[in-house]
Amino acid sequence: ANYAINDLELSTSRIAPNVPVKIALAVGVTANQPKLAIQ
């Protein structure tokens, strides 16, 4: 089995309790068991 996380990009605003945190995440995931190739 082979699994991979590709070109992960993550950015956030301020992270603190009870503060709205803006999150933007982009990532590719590939695998051969089961067959998977998604963005």
ModelCIF file with pLDDT and N, C-alpha, C, O atoms, coordinates in Angstrom:
data_MODEL
#
_entry.id   MODEL 
#
_entity.id                         1 
_entity.type                       polymer 
_entity.pdbx_number_of_molecules   1 
#
_entity_poly.entity_id                      1 
_entity_poly.type                           'polypeptide(L)' 
_entity_poly.nstd_linkage                   no 
_entity_poly.nstd_monomer                   no 
_entity_poly.pdbx_seq_one_letter_code       ANYAINDLELSTSRIAPNVPVKIALAVGVTANQPKLAIQ 
_entity_poly.pdbx_seq_one_letter_code_can   ANYAINDLELSTSRIAPNVPVKIALAVGVTANQPKLAIQ 
_entity_poly.pdbx_strand_id                 A 
#
loop_
_entity_poly_seq.entity_id 
_entity_poly_seq.num 
_entity_poly_seq.mon_id 
_entity_poly_seq.hetero 
1 1  ALA n 
1 2  ASN n 
1 3  TYR n 
1 4  ALA n 
1 5  ILE n 
1 6  ASN n 
1 7  ASP n 
1 8  LEU n 
1 9  GLU n 
1 10 LEU n 
1 11 SER n 
1 12 THR n 
1 13 SER n 
1 14 ARG n 
1 15 ILE n 
1 16 ALA n 
1 17 PRO n 
1 18 ASN n 
1 19 VAL n 
1 20 PRO n 
1 21 VAL n 
1 22 LYS n 
1 23 ILE n 
1 24 ALA n 
1 25 LEU n 
1 26 ALA n 
1 27 VAL n 
1 28 GLY n 
1 29 VAL n 
1 30 THR n 
1 31 ALA n 
1 32 ASN n 
1 33 GLN n 
1 34 PRO n 
1 35 LYS n 
1 36 LEU n 
1 37 ALA n 
1 38 ILE n 
1 39 GLN n 
#
_struct_asym.id          A 
_struct_asym.entity_id   1 
#
loop_
_ma_qa_metric.id 
_ma_qa_metric.mode 
_ma_qa_metric.name 
_ma_qa_metric.software_group_id 
_ma_qa_metric.type 
1 global pLDDT . pLDDT 
2 local  pLDDT . pLDDT 
#
_ma_qa_metric_global.metric_id      1 
_ma_qa_metric_global.metric_value   94.18 
_ma_qa_metric_global.model_id       1 
_ma_qa_metric_global.ordinal_id     1 
#
loop_
_ma_qa_metric_local.label_asym_id 
_ma_qa_metric_local.label_comp_id 
_ma_qa_metric_local.label_seq_id 
_ma_qa_metric_local.metric_id 
_ma_qa_metric_local.metric_value 
_ma_qa_metric_local.model_id 
_ma_qa_metric_local.ordinal_id 
A ALA 1  2 94.00 1 1  
A ASN 2  2 95.00 1 2  
A TYR 3  2 95.00 1 3  
A ALA 4  2 95.00 1 4  
A ILE 5  2 94.00 1 5  
A ASN 6  2 95.00 1 6  
A ASP 7  2 94.00 1 7  
A LEU 8  2 94.00 1 8  
A GLU 9  2 95.00 1 9  
A LEU 10 2 95.00 1 10 
A SER 11 2 95.00 1 11 
A THR 12 2 95.00 1 12 
A SER 13 2 93.00 1 13 
A ARG 14 2 90.00 1 14 
A ILE 15 2 89.00 1 15 
A ALA 16 2 88.00 1 16 
A PRO 17 2 89.00 1 17 
A ASN 18 2 92.00 1 18 
A VAL 19 2 93.00 1 19 
A PRO 20 2 96.00 1 20 
A VAL 21 2 95.00 1 21 
A LYS 22 2 97.00 1 22 
A ILE 23 2 96.00 1 23 
A ALA 24 2 97.00 1 24 
A LEU 25 2 96.00 1 25 
A ALA 26 2 97.00 1 26 
A VAL 27 2 96.00 1 27 
A GLY 28 2 96.00 1 28 
A VAL 29 2 96.00 1 29 
A THR 30 2 96.00 1 30 
A ALA 31 2 95.00 1 31 
A ASN 32 2 94.00 1 32 
A GLN 33 2 91.00 1 33 
A PRO 34 2 89.00 1 34 
A LYS 35 2 93.00 1 35 
A LEU 36 2 94.00 1 36 
A ALA 37 2 96.00 1 37 
A ILE 38 2 96.00 1 38 
A GLN 39 2 97.00 1 39 
#
loop_
_atom_site.group_PDB 
_atom_site.id 
_atom_site.type_symbol 
_atom_site.label_atom_id 
_atom_site.label_alt_id 
_atom_site.label_comp_id 
_atom_site.label_asym_id 
_atom_site.label_entity_id 
_atom_site.label_seq_id 
_atom_site.pdbx_PDB_ins_code 
_atom_site.Cartn_x 
_atom_site.Cartn_y 
_atom_site.Cartn_z 
_atom_site.occupancy 
_atom_site.B_iso_or_equiv 
_atom_site.pdbx_formal_charge 
_atom_site.auth_seq_id 
_atom_site.auth_comp_id 
_atom_site.auth_asym_id 
_atom_site.auth_atom_id 
_atom_site.pdbx_PDB_model_num 
ATOM 1   N N  . ALA A 1 1  ? 0.835   -1.205 0.000  1.00 94.00 ? 1  ALA A N  1 
ATOM 2   C CA . ALA A 1 1  ? 0.000   0.000  0.000  1.00 94.00 ? 1  ALA A CA 1 
ATOM 3   C C  . ALA A 1 1  ? 0.871   1.257  0.000  1.00 94.00 ? 1  ALA A C  1 
ATOM 4   O O  . ALA A 1 1  ? 1.902   1.325  0.669  1.00 94.00 ? 1  ALA A O  1 
ATOM 5   N N  . ASN A 1 2  ? 0.425   2.241  -0.767 1.00 95.00 ? 2  ASN A N  1 
ATOM 6   C CA . ASN A 1 2  ? 1.101   3.536  -0.827 1.00 95.00 ? 2  ASN A CA 1 
ATOM 7   C C  . ASN A 1 2  ? 0.070   4.641  -0.679 1.00 95.00 ? 2  ASN A C  1 
ATOM 8   O O  . ASN A 1 2  ? -0.945  4.653  -1.375 1.00 95.00 ? 2  ASN A O  1 
ATOM 9   N N  . TYR A 1 3  ? 0.333   5.562  0.224  1.00 95.00 ? 3  TYR A N  1 
ATOM 10  C CA . TYR A 1 3  ? -0.551  6.701  0.441  1.00 95.00 ? 3  TYR A CA 1 
ATOM 11  C C  . TYR A 1 3  ? 0.295   7.971  0.412  1.00 95.00 ? 3  TYR A C  1 
ATOM 12  O O  . TYR A 1 3  ? 1.430   7.980  0.887  1.00 95.00 ? 3  TYR A O  1 
ATOM 13  N N  . ALA A 1 4  ? -0.265  9.038  -0.147 1.00 95.00 ? 4  ALA A N  1 
ATOM 14  C CA . ALA A 1 4  ? 0.499   10.275 -0.253 1.00 95.00 ? 4  ALA A CA 1 
ATOM 15  C C  . ALA A 1 4  ? -0.403  11.489 -0.095 1.00 95.00 ? 4  ALA A C  1 
ATOM 16  O O  . ALA A 1 4  ? -1.526  11.522 -0.598 1.00 95.00 ? 4  ALA A O  1 
ATOM 17  N N  . ILE A 1 5  ? 0.112   12.479 0.611  1.00 94.00 ? 5  ILE A N  1 
ATOM 18  C CA . ILE A 1 5  ? -0.496  13.803 0.702  1.00 94.00 ? 5  ILE A CA 1 
ATOM 19  C C  . ILE A 1 5  ? 0.367   14.735 -0.132 1.00 94.00 ? 5  ILE A C  1 
ATOM 20  O O  . ILE A 1 5  ? 1.561   14.884 0.131  1.00 94.00 ? 5  ILE A O  1 
ATOM 21  N N  . ASN A 1 6  ? -0.233  15.361 -1.135 1.00 95.00 ? 6  ASN A N  1 
ATOM 22  C CA . ASN A 1 6  ? 0.533   16.133 -2.108 1.00 95.00 ? 6  ASN A CA 1 
ATOM 23  C C  . ASN A 1 6  ? 0.159   17.611 -2.085 1.00 95.00 ? 6  ASN A C  1 
ATOM 24  O O  . ASN A 1 6  ? -1.014  17.974 -1.993 1.00 95.00 ? 6  ASN A O  1 
ATOM 25  N N  . ASP A 1 7  ? 1.181   18.449 -2.171 1.00 94.00 ? 7  ASP A N  1 
ATOM 26  C CA . ASP A 1 7  ? 0.983   19.899 -2.330 1.00 94.00 ? 7  ASP A CA 1 
ATOM 27  C C  . ASP A 1 7  ? 0.012   20.458 -1.306 1.00 94.00 ? 7  ASP A C  1 
ATOM 28  O O  . ASP A 1 7  ? -0.926  21.173 -1.658 1.00 94.00 ? 7  ASP A O  1 
ATOM 29  N N  . LEU A 1 8  ? 0.234   20.135 -0.047 1.00 94.00 ? 8  LEU A N  1 
ATOM 30  C CA . LEU A 1 8  ? -0.630  20.650 1.017  1.00 94.00 ? 8  LEU A CA 1 
ATOM 31  C C  . LEU A 1 8  ? -0.364  22.136 1.213  1.00 94.00 ? 8  LEU A C  1 
ATOM 32  O O  . LEU A 1 8  ? 0.780   22.562 1.369  1.00 94.00 ? 8  LEU A O  1 
ATOM 33  N N  . GLU A 1 9  ? -1.441  22.916 1.203  1.00 95.00 ? 9  GLU A N  1 
ATOM 34  C CA . GLU A 1 9  ? -1.368  24.360 1.439  1.00 95.00 ? 9  GLU A CA 1 
ATOM 35  C C  . GLU A 1 9  ? -2.397  24.708 2.509  1.00 95.00 ? 9  GLU A C  1 
ATOM 36  O O  . GLU A 1 9  ? -3.587  24.442 2.342  1.00 95.00 ? 9  GLU A O  1 
ATOM 37  N N  . LEU A 1 10 ? -1.935  25.305 3.612  1.00 95.00 ? 10 LEU A N  1 
ATOM 38  C CA . LEU A 1 10 ? -2.828  25.657 4.720  1.00 95.00 ? 10 LEU A CA 1 
ATOM 39  C C  . LEU A 1 10 ? -2.520  27.063 5.180  1.00 95.00 ? 10 LEU A C  1 
ATOM 40  O O  . LEU A 1 10 ? -1.359  27.427 5.362  1.00 95.00 ? 10 LEU A O  1 
ATOM 41  N N  . SER A 1 11 ? -3.563  27.852 5.368  1.00 95.00 ? 11 SER A N  1 
ATOM 42  C CA . SER A 1 11 ? -3.389  29.187 5.932  1.00 95.00 ? 11 SER A CA 1 
ATOM 43  C C  . SER A 1 11 ? -4.545  29.466 6.883  1.00 95.00 ? 11 SER A C  1 
ATOM 44  O O  . SER A 1 11 ? -5.683  29.068 6.634  1.00 95.00 ? 11 SER A O  1 
ATOM 45  N N  . THR A 1 12 ? -4.237  30.152 7.967  1.00 95.00 ? 12 THR A N  1 
ATOM 46  C CA . THR A 1 12 ? -5.259  30.486 8.951  1.00 95.00 ? 12 THR A CA 1 
ATOM 47  C C  . THR A 1 12 ? -5.112  31.939 9.381  1.00 95.00 ? 12 THR A C  1 
ATOM 48  O O  . THR A 1 12 ? -4.071  32.569 9.193  1.00 95.00 ? 12 THR A O  1 
ATOM 49  N N  . SER A 1 13 ? -6.182  32.441 9.957  1.00 93.00 ? 13 SER A N  1 
ATOM 50  C CA . SER A 1 13 ? -6.101  33.722 10.649 1.00 93.00 ? 13 SER A CA 1 
ATOM 51  C C  . SER A 1 13 ? -5.719  33.430 12.103 1.00 93.00 ? 13 SER A C  1 
ATOM 52  O O  . SER A 1 13 ? -5.199  32.353 12.395 1.00 93.00 ? 13 SER A O  1 
ATOM 53  N N  . ARG A 1 14 ? -5.960  34.338 12.987 1.00 90.00 ? 14 ARG A N  1 
ATOM 54  C CA . ARG A 1 14 ? -5.597  34.163 14.398 1.00 90.00 ? 14 ARG A CA 1 
ATOM 55  C C  . ARG A 1 14 ? -6.293  32.938 14.998 1.00 90.00 ? 14 ARG A C  1 
ATOM 56  O O  . ARG A 1 14 ? -7.492  32.734 14.806 1.00 90.00 ? 14 ARG A O  1 
ATOM 57  N N  . ILE A 1 15 ? -5.512  32.121 15.733 1.00 89.00 ? 15 ILE A N  1 
ATOM 58  C CA . ILE A 1 15 ? -6.034  30.930 16.387 1.00 89.00 ? 15 ILE A CA 1 
ATOM 59  C C  . ILE A 1 15 ? -5.998  31.149 17.889 1.00 89.00 ? 15 ILE A C  1 
ATOM 60  O O  . ILE A 1 15 ? -4.925  31.230 18.486 1.00 89.00 ? 15 ILE A O  1 
ATOM 61  N N  . ALA A 1 16 ? -7.167  31.245 18.495 1.00 88.00 ? 16 ALA A N  1 
ATOM 62  C CA . ALA A 1 16 ? -7.287  31.444 19.940 1.00 88.00 ? 16 ALA A CA 1 
ATOM 63  C C  . ALA A 1 16 ? -8.681  31.005 20.363 1.00 88.00 ? 16 ALA A C  1 
ATOM 64  O O  . ALA A 1 16 ? -9.601  31.030 19.546 1.00 88.00 ? 16 ALA A O  1 
ATOM 65  N N  . PRO A 1 17 ? -8.860  30.604 21.620 1.00 89.00 ? 17 PRO A N  1 
ATOM 66  C CA . PRO A 1 17 ? -10.186 30.175 22.087 1.00 89.00 ? 17 PRO A CA 1 
ATOM 67  C C  . PRO A 1 17 ? -11.229 31.268 21.904 1.00 89.00 ? 17 PRO A C  1 
ATOM 68  O O  . PRO A 1 17 ? -10.984 32.443 22.180 1.00 89.00 ? 17 PRO A O  1 
ATOM 69  N N  . ASN A 1 18 ? -12.403 30.847 21.429 1.00 92.00 ? 18 ASN A N  1 
ATOM 70  C CA . ASN A 1 18 ? -13.562 31.723 21.260 1.00 92.00 ? 18 ASN A CA 1 
ATOM 71  C C  . ASN A 1 18 ? -13.322 32.852 20.255 1.00 92.00 ? 18 ASN A C  1 
ATOM 72  O O  . ASN A 1 18 ? -13.992 33.884 20.303 1.00 92.00 ? 18 ASN A O  1 
ATOM 73  N N  . VAL A 1 19 ? -12.376 32.653 19.358 1.00 93.00 ? 19 VAL A N  1 
ATOM 74  C CA . VAL A 1 19 ? -12.114 33.613 18.287 1.00 93.00 ? 19 VAL A CA 1 
ATOM 75  C C  . VAL A 1 19 ? -12.362 32.915 16.951 1.00 93.00 ? 19 VAL A C  1 
ATOM 76  O O  . VAL A 1 19 ? -11.771 31.863 16.707 1.00 93.00 ? 19 VAL A O  1 
ATOM 77  N N  . PRO A 1 20 ? -13.207 33.457 16.082 1.00 96.00 ? 20 PRO A N  1 
ATOM 78  C CA . PRO A 1 20 ? -13.432 32.825 14.778 1.00 96.00 ? 20 PRO A CA 1 
ATOM 79  C C  . PRO A 1 20 ? -12.138 32.737 13.976 1.00 96.00 ? 20 PRO A C  1 
ATOM 80  O O  . PRO A 1 20 ? -11.477 33.746 13.729 1.00 96.00 ? 20 PRO A O  1 
ATOM 81  N N  . VAL A 1 21 ? -11.790 31.528 13.577 1.00 95.00 ? 21 VAL A N  1 
ATOM 82  C CA . VAL A 1 21 ? -10.541 31.276 12.856 1.00 95.00 ? 21 VAL A CA 1 
ATOM 83  C C  . VAL A 1 21 ? -10.869 30.973 11.399 1.00 95.00 ? 21 VAL A C  1 
ATOM 84  O O  . VAL A 1 21 ? -11.554 29.993 11.107 1.00 95.00 ? 21 VAL A O  1 
ATOM 85  N N  . LYS A 1 22 ? -10.395 31.785 10.507 1.00 97.00 ? 22 LYS A N  1 
ATOM 86  C CA . LYS A 1 22 ? -10.595 31.519 9.082  1.00 97.00 ? 22 LYS A CA 1 
ATOM 87  C C  . LYS A 1 22 ? -9.550  30.507 8.618  1.00 97.00 ? 22 LYS A C  1 
ATOM 88  O O  . LYS A 1 22 ? -8.356  30.685 8.859  1.00 97.00 ? 22 LYS A O  1 
ATOM 89  N N  . ILE A 1 23 ? -10.007 29.444 7.950  1.00 96.00 ? 23 ILE A N  1 
ATOM 90  C CA . ILE A 1 23 ? -9.131  28.357 7.520  1.00 96.00 ? 23 ILE A CA 1 
ATOM 91  C C  . ILE A 1 23 ? -9.286  28.149 6.020  1.00 96.00 ? 23 ILE A C  1 
ATOM 92  O O  . ILE A 1 23 ? -10.401 28.092 5.501  1.00 96.00 ? 23 ILE A O  1 
ATOM 93  N N  . ALA A 1 24 ? -8.162  28.039 5.336  1.00 97.00 ? 24 ALA A N  1 
ATOM 94  C CA . ALA A 1 24 ? -8.152  27.690 3.904  1.00 97.00 ? 24 ALA A CA 1 
ATOM 95  C C  . ALA A 1 24 ? -7.168  26.543 3.723  1.00 97.00 ? 24 ALA A C  1 
ATOM 96  O O  . ALA A 1 24 ? -5.988  26.666 4.053  1.00 97.00 ? 24 ALA A O  1 
ATOM 97  N N  . LEU A 1 25 ? -7.661  25.429 3.199  1.00 96.00 ? 25 LEU A N  1 
ATOM 98  C CA . LEU A 1 25 ? -6.839  24.235 3.038  1.00 96.00 ? 25 LEU A CA 1 
ATOM 99  C C  . LEU A 1 25 ? -7.014  23.683 1.633  1.00 96.00 ? 25 LEU A C  1 
ATOM 100 O O  . LEU A 1 25 ? -8.133  23.546 1.138  1.00 96.00 ? 25 LEU A O  1 
ATOM 101 N N  . ALA A 1 26 ? -5.892  23.367 0.999  1.00 97.00 ? 26 ALA A N  1 
ATOM 102 C CA . ALA A 1 26 ? -5.906  22.696 -0.297 1.00 97.00 ? 26 ALA A CA 1 
ATOM 103 C C  . ALA A 1 26 ? -4.902  21.558 -0.228 1.00 97.00 ? 26 ALA A C  1 
ATOM 104 O O  . ALA A 1 26 ? -3.764  21.758 0.198  1.00 97.00 ? 26 ALA A O  1 
ATOM 105 N N  . VAL A 1 27 ? -5.316  20.354 -0.647 1.00 96.00 ? 27 VAL A N  1 
ATOM 106 C CA . VAL A 1 27 ? -4.429  19.202 -0.552 1.00 96.00 ? 27 VAL A CA 1 
ATOM 107 C C  . VAL A 1 27 ? -4.863  18.136 -1.546 1.00 96.00 ? 27 VAL A C  1 
ATOM 108 O O  . VAL A 1 27 ? -6.052  17.960 -1.809 1.00 96.00 ? 27 VAL A O  1 
ATOM 109 N N  . GLY A 1 28 ? -3.890  17.436 -2.088 1.00 96.00 ? 28 GLY A N  1 
ATOM 110 C CA . GLY A 1 28 ? -4.162  16.286 -2.941 1.00 96.00 ? 28 GLY A CA 1 
ATOM 111 C C  . GLY A 1 28 ? -3.859  15.009 -2.183 1.00 96.00 ? 28 GLY A C  1 
ATOM 112 O O  . GLY A 1 28 ? -2.901  14.953 -1.412 1.00 96.00 ? 28 GLY A O  1 
ATOM 113 N N  . VAL A 1 29 ? -4.667  13.984 -2.397 1.00 96.00 ? 29 VAL A N  1 
ATOM 114 C CA . VAL A 1 29 ? -4.493  12.699 -1.726 1.00 96.00 ? 29 VAL A CA 1 
ATOM 115 C C  . VAL A 1 29 ? -4.512  11.598 -2.785 1.00 96.00 ? 29 VAL A C  1 
ATOM 116 O O  . VAL A 1 29 ? -5.433  11.526 -3.599 1.00 96.00 ? 29 VAL A O  1 
ATOM 117 N N  . THR A 1 30 ? -3.485  10.741 -2.768 1.00 96.00 ? 30 THR A N  1 
ATOM 118 C CA . THR A 1 30 ? -3.434  9.603  -3.683 1.00 96.00 ? 30 THR A CA 1 
ATOM 119 C C  . THR A 1 30 ? -3.174  8.331  -2.894 1.00 96.00 ? 30 THR A C  1 
ATOM 120 O O  . THR A 1 30 ? -2.530  8.360  -1.846 1.00 96.00 ? 30 THR A O  1 
ATOM 121 N N  . ALA A 1 31 ? -3.679  7.219  -3.404 1.00 95.00 ? 31 ALA A N  1 
ATOM 122 C CA . ALA A 1 31 ? -3.492  5.916  -2.768 1.00 95.00 ? 31 ALA A CA 1 
ATOM 123 C C  . ALA A 1 31 ? -3.689  4.837  -3.814 1.00 95.00 ? 31 ALA A C  1 
ATOM 124 O O  . ALA A 1 31 ? -4.336  5.055  -4.838 1.00 95.00 ? 31 ALA A O  1 
ATOM 125 N N  . ASN A 1 32 ? -3.117  3.654  -3.540 1.00 94.00 ? 32 ASN A N  1 
ATOM 126 C CA . ASN A 1 32 ? -3.322  2.526  -4.451 1.00 94.00 ? 32 ASN A CA 1 
ATOM 127 C C  . ASN A 1 32 ? -4.170  1.413  -3.828 1.00 94.00 ? 32 ASN A C  1 
ATOM 128 O O  . ASN A 1 32 ? -4.622  0.512  -4.535 1.00 94.00 ? 32 ASN A O  1 
ATOM 129 N N  . GLN A 1 33 ? -4.390  1.468  -2.507 1.00 91.00 ? 33 GLN A N  1 
ATOM 130 C CA . GLN A 1 33 ? -5.225  0.471  -1.822 1.00 91.00 ? 33 GLN A CA 1 
ATOM 131 C C  . GLN A 1 33 ? -6.062  1.174  -0.742 1.00 91.00 ? 33 GLN A C  1 
ATOM 132 O O  . GLN A 1 33 ? -5.593  1.323  0.386  1.00 91.00 ? 33 GLN A O  1 
ATOM 133 N N  . PRO A 1 34 ? -7.280  1.606  -1.061 1.00 89.00 ? 34 PRO A N  1 
ATOM 134 C CA . PRO A 1 34 ? -7.959  1.514  -2.357 1.00 89.00 ? 34 PRO A CA 1 
ATOM 135 C C  . PRO A 1 34 ? -7.455  2.588  -3.321 1.00 89.00 ? 34 PRO A C  1 
ATOM 136 O O  . PRO A 1 34 ? -6.772  3.530  -2.920 1.00 89.00 ? 34 PRO A O  1 
ATOM 137 N N  . LYS A 1 35 ? -7.802  2.429  -4.586 1.00 93.00 ? 35 LYS A N  1 
ATOM 138 C CA . LYS A 1 35 ? -7.366  3.370  -5.600 1.00 93.00 ? 35 LYS A CA 1 
ATOM 139 C C  . LYS A 1 35 ? -8.026  4.722  -5.363 1.00 93.00 ? 35 LYS A C  1 
ATOM 140 O O  . LYS A 1 35 ? -9.248  4.829  -5.267 1.00 93.00 ? 35 LYS A O  1 
ATOM 141 N N  . LEU A 1 36 ? -7.191  5.747  -5.271 1.00 94.00 ? 36 LEU A N  1 
ATOM 142 C CA . LEU A 1 36 ? -7.701  7.074  -4.922 1.00 94.00 ? 36 LEU A CA 1 
ATOM 143 C C  . LEU A 1 36 ? -6.785  8.136  -5.509 1.00 94.00 ? 36 LEU A C  1 
ATOM 144 O O  . LEU A 1 36 ? -5.562  8.019  -5.442 1.00 94.00 ? 36 LEU A O  1 
ATOM 145 N N  . ALA A 1 37 ? -7.379  9.167  -6.081 1.00 96.00 ? 37 ALA A N  1 
ATOM 146 C CA . ALA A 1 37 ? -6.629  10.318 -6.585 1.00 96.00 ? 37 ALA A CA 1 
ATOM 147 C C  . ALA A 1 37 ? -7.568  11.515 -6.573 1.00 96.00 ? 37 ALA A C  1 
ATOM 148 O O  . ALA A 1 37 ? -8.305  11.744 -7.532 1.00 96.00 ? 37 ALA A O  1 
ATOM 149 N N  . ILE A 1 38 ? -7.537  12.283 -5.477 1.00 96.00 ? 38 ILE A N  1 
ATOM 150 C CA . ILE A 1 38 ? -8.491  13.383 -5.319 1.00 96.00 ? 38 ILE A CA 1 
ATOM 151 C C  . ILE A 1 38 ? -7.762  14.669 -4.950 1.00 96.00 ? 38 ILE A C  1 
ATOM 152 O O  . ILE A 1 38 ? -6.643  14.652 -4.436 1.00 96.00 ? 38 ILE A O  1 
ATOM 153 N N  . GLN A 1 39 ? -8.423  15.767 -5.225 1.00 97.00 ? 39 GLN A N  1 
ATOM 154 C CA . GLN A 1 39 ? -7.954  17.092 -4.819 1.00 97.00 ? 39 GLN A CA 1 
ATOM 155 C C  . GLN A 1 39 ? -9.035  17.712 -3.948 1.00 97.00 ? 39 GLN A C  1 
ATOM 156 O O  . GLN A 1 39 ? -8.877  18.838 -3.476 1.00 97.00 ? 39 GLN A O  1 
#
